[in-house]
């Protein structure tokens, strides 16, 4: 049975960022998975557009 949706890894590959960065953005935006199979969560395809423009987490850079 094939699940419909994107995994964290697939989203990361699509956005060219690390999976941990995807997870941080998903948690920051409060996005819930649409399905789950074991430990793998599947997200809607529109999640890429939702998290693409979210600022990076972490400490802001210092002014020079």
N, C-alpha and C. Protein backbone atom coordinates (compact mmCIF):
# COMPACT_ATOMS: atom_id res chain seq x y z
N UNK A 1 0.85 -1.19 0.00
CA UNK A 1 0.00 0.00 0.00
C UNK A 1 0.89 1.24 0.00
N UNK A 2 0.68 2.13 -0.94
CA UNK A 2 1.47 3.34 -1.05
C UNK A 2 0.72 4.49 -0.39
N UNK A 3 1.45 5.22 0.45
CA UNK A 3 0.85 6.37 1.14
C UNK A 3 0.95 7.61 0.26
N UNK A 4 -0.07 8.42 0.29
CA UNK A 4 -0.08 9.68 -0.44
C UNK A 4 0.46 10.78 0.44
N UNK A 5 1.37 11.56 -0.08
CA UNK A 5 1.93 12.67 0.67
C UNK A 5 3.44 12.65 0.62
N UNK A 6 4.03 13.58 1.33
CA UNK A 6 5.48 13.75 1.35
C UNK A 6 6.03 13.47 2.74
N UNK A 7 7.20 12.85 2.78
CA UNK A 7 7.89 12.64 4.04
C UNK A 7 8.78 13.85 4.32
N UNK A 8 9.32 13.91 5.52
CA UNK A 8 10.24 14.99 5.88
C UNK A 8 11.43 14.99 4.93
N UNK A 9 11.96 13.83 4.65
CA UNK A 9 13.12 13.72 3.75
C UNK A 9 12.79 14.23 2.34
N UNK A 10 11.62 13.90 1.82
CA UNK A 10 11.23 14.35 0.49
C UNK A 10 11.04 15.86 0.46
N UNK A 11 10.47 16.42 1.51
CA UNK A 11 10.30 17.87 1.59
C UNK A 11 11.67 18.54 1.63
N UNK A 12 12.60 17.98 2.42
CA UNK A 12 13.95 18.53 2.52
C UNK A 12 14.67 18.51 1.18
N UNK A 13 14.55 17.42 0.45
CA UNK A 13 15.18 17.33 -0.87
C UNK A 13 14.59 18.35 -1.82
N UNK A 14 13.29 18.56 -1.74
CA UNK A 14 12.61 19.50 -2.63
C UNK A 14 13.05 20.94 -2.35
N UNK A 15 13.24 21.28 -1.07
CA UNK A 15 13.61 22.64 -0.69
C UNK A 15 15.13 22.83 -0.59
N UNK A 16 15.88 21.75 -0.75
CA UNK A 16 17.34 21.78 -0.66
C UNK A 16 17.81 22.28 0.70
N UNK A 17 17.18 21.75 1.75
CA UNK A 17 17.59 22.04 3.12
C UNK A 17 17.66 20.72 3.88
N UNK A 18 18.17 20.75 5.09
CA UNK A 18 18.30 19.53 5.88
C UNK A 18 16.95 19.11 6.48
N UNK A 19 16.76 17.80 6.69
CA UNK A 19 15.51 17.33 7.30
C UNK A 19 15.23 17.95 8.67
N UNK A 20 16.27 18.21 9.47
CA UNK A 20 16.05 18.85 10.77
C UNK A 20 15.49 20.25 10.60
N UNK A 21 15.91 20.95 9.55
CA UNK A 21 15.39 22.29 9.28
C UNK A 21 13.91 22.22 8.89
N UNK A 22 13.56 21.21 8.11
CA UNK A 22 12.16 21.01 7.74
C UNK A 22 11.32 20.75 8.98
N UNK A 23 11.82 19.88 9.85
CA UNK A 23 11.08 19.55 11.08
C UNK A 23 10.90 20.79 11.94
N UNK A 24 11.93 21.61 12.06
CA UNK A 24 11.83 22.83 12.87
C UNK A 24 10.79 23.77 12.29
N UNK A 25 10.77 23.92 10.98
CA UNK A 25 9.79 24.81 10.34
C UNK A 25 8.37 24.28 10.48
N UNK A 26 8.21 22.97 10.36
CA UNK A 26 6.88 22.36 10.51
C UNK A 26 6.37 22.57 11.94
N UNK A 27 7.25 22.36 12.92
CA UNK A 27 6.85 22.58 14.31
C UNK A 27 6.55 24.04 14.59
N UNK A 28 7.35 24.94 14.02
CA UNK A 28 7.16 26.38 14.22
C UNK A 28 5.82 26.84 13.65
N UNK A 29 5.43 26.25 12.53
CA UNK A 29 4.19 26.64 11.86
C UNK A 29 2.98 25.83 12.36
N UNK A 30 3.23 24.80 13.16
CA UNK A 30 2.14 24.00 13.72
C UNK A 30 1.43 23.12 12.72
N UNK A 31 2.15 22.63 11.73
CA UNK A 31 1.56 21.79 10.68
C UNK A 31 1.48 20.35 11.18
N UNK A 32 0.33 19.75 11.03
CA UNK A 32 0.10 18.37 11.45
C UNK A 32 0.19 17.44 10.23
N UNK A 33 0.68 16.22 10.42
CA UNK A 33 0.73 15.27 9.30
C UNK A 33 -0.68 14.83 8.92
N UNK A 34 -0.84 14.48 7.63
CA UNK A 34 -2.16 14.02 7.21
C UNK A 34 -2.31 12.51 7.38
N UNK A 35 -1.19 11.80 7.46
CA UNK A 35 -1.23 10.35 7.66
C UNK A 35 0.05 9.92 8.34
N UNK A 36 0.01 8.71 8.88
CA UNK A 36 1.17 8.17 9.57
C UNK A 36 1.25 6.67 9.31
N UNK A 37 2.46 6.19 9.04
CA UNK A 37 2.68 4.76 8.86
C UNK A 37 3.90 4.40 9.70
N UNK A 38 3.68 3.77 10.83
CA UNK A 38 4.77 3.50 11.75
C UNK A 38 5.28 4.81 12.32
N UNK A 39 6.59 5.05 12.17
CA UNK A 39 7.18 6.30 12.66
C UNK A 39 7.26 7.37 11.58
N UNK A 40 6.79 7.07 10.38
CA UNK A 40 6.88 8.00 9.26
C UNK A 40 5.60 8.81 9.13
N UNK A 41 5.75 10.13 9.12
CA UNK A 41 4.61 11.01 8.91
C UNK A 41 4.56 11.43 7.45
N UNK A 42 3.35 11.62 6.94
CA UNK A 42 3.14 12.06 5.58
C UNK A 42 2.39 13.38 5.61
N UNK A 43 2.88 14.36 4.86
CA UNK A 43 2.32 15.71 4.84
C UNK A 43 1.74 16.01 3.47
N UNK A 44 0.75 16.92 3.43
CA UNK A 44 0.17 17.35 2.17
C UNK A 44 1.23 17.98 1.29
N UNK A 45 0.98 17.97 -0.01
CA UNK A 45 1.94 18.52 -0.96
C UNK A 45 2.08 20.04 -0.82
N UNK A 46 1.06 20.72 -0.32
CA UNK A 46 1.13 22.17 -0.18
C UNK A 46 1.98 22.63 1.00
N UNK A 47 2.49 21.68 1.81
CA UNK A 47 3.34 22.05 2.94
C UNK A 47 4.63 22.71 2.46
N UNK A 48 5.07 22.36 1.26
CA UNK A 48 6.29 22.98 0.70
C UNK A 48 6.10 24.48 0.56
N UNK A 49 4.97 24.90 0.03
CA UNK A 49 4.69 26.33 -0.12
C UNK A 49 4.52 27.01 1.23
N UNK A 50 3.96 26.30 2.20
CA UNK A 50 3.74 26.89 3.52
C UNK A 50 5.04 27.16 4.26
N UNK A 51 6.01 26.25 4.16
CA UNK A 51 7.23 26.41 4.95
C UNK A 51 8.40 27.00 4.17
N UNK A 52 8.24 27.17 2.88
CA UNK A 52 9.34 27.66 2.05
C UNK A 52 9.86 29.02 2.53
N UNK A 53 8.98 29.90 2.93
CA UNK A 53 9.37 31.26 3.27
C UNK A 53 9.46 31.52 4.76
N UNK A 54 9.36 30.48 5.59
CA UNK A 54 9.51 30.66 7.02
C UNK A 54 10.97 30.93 7.33
N UNK A 55 11.23 31.93 8.17
CA UNK A 55 12.60 32.26 8.54
C UNK A 55 13.27 31.09 9.22
N UNK A 56 14.59 31.07 9.08
CA UNK A 56 15.36 30.03 9.74
C UNK A 56 15.27 30.22 11.25
N UNK A 57 15.32 29.12 11.95
CA UNK A 57 15.33 29.18 13.41
C UNK A 57 16.74 29.48 13.88
N UNK A 58 16.86 29.87 15.11
CA UNK A 58 18.19 30.10 15.68
C UNK A 58 18.43 31.54 15.99
N UNK A 59 19.64 31.80 16.40
CA UNK A 59 20.05 33.14 16.83
C UNK A 59 20.23 34.04 15.61
N UNK A 60 19.70 35.26 15.67
CA UNK A 60 19.90 36.19 14.55
C UNK A 60 21.35 36.63 14.47
N UNK A 61 21.77 37.00 13.27
CA UNK A 61 23.16 37.45 13.06
C UNK A 61 23.35 38.82 13.68
N UNK A 62 24.56 39.06 14.15
CA UNK A 62 24.89 40.35 14.76
C UNK A 62 25.08 41.41 13.69
N UNK A 63 24.71 42.65 14.04
CA UNK A 63 24.98 43.78 13.15
C UNK A 63 26.45 44.10 13.20
N UNK A 64 26.99 44.51 12.09
CA UNK A 64 28.41 44.87 12.05
C UNK A 64 28.61 46.35 12.17
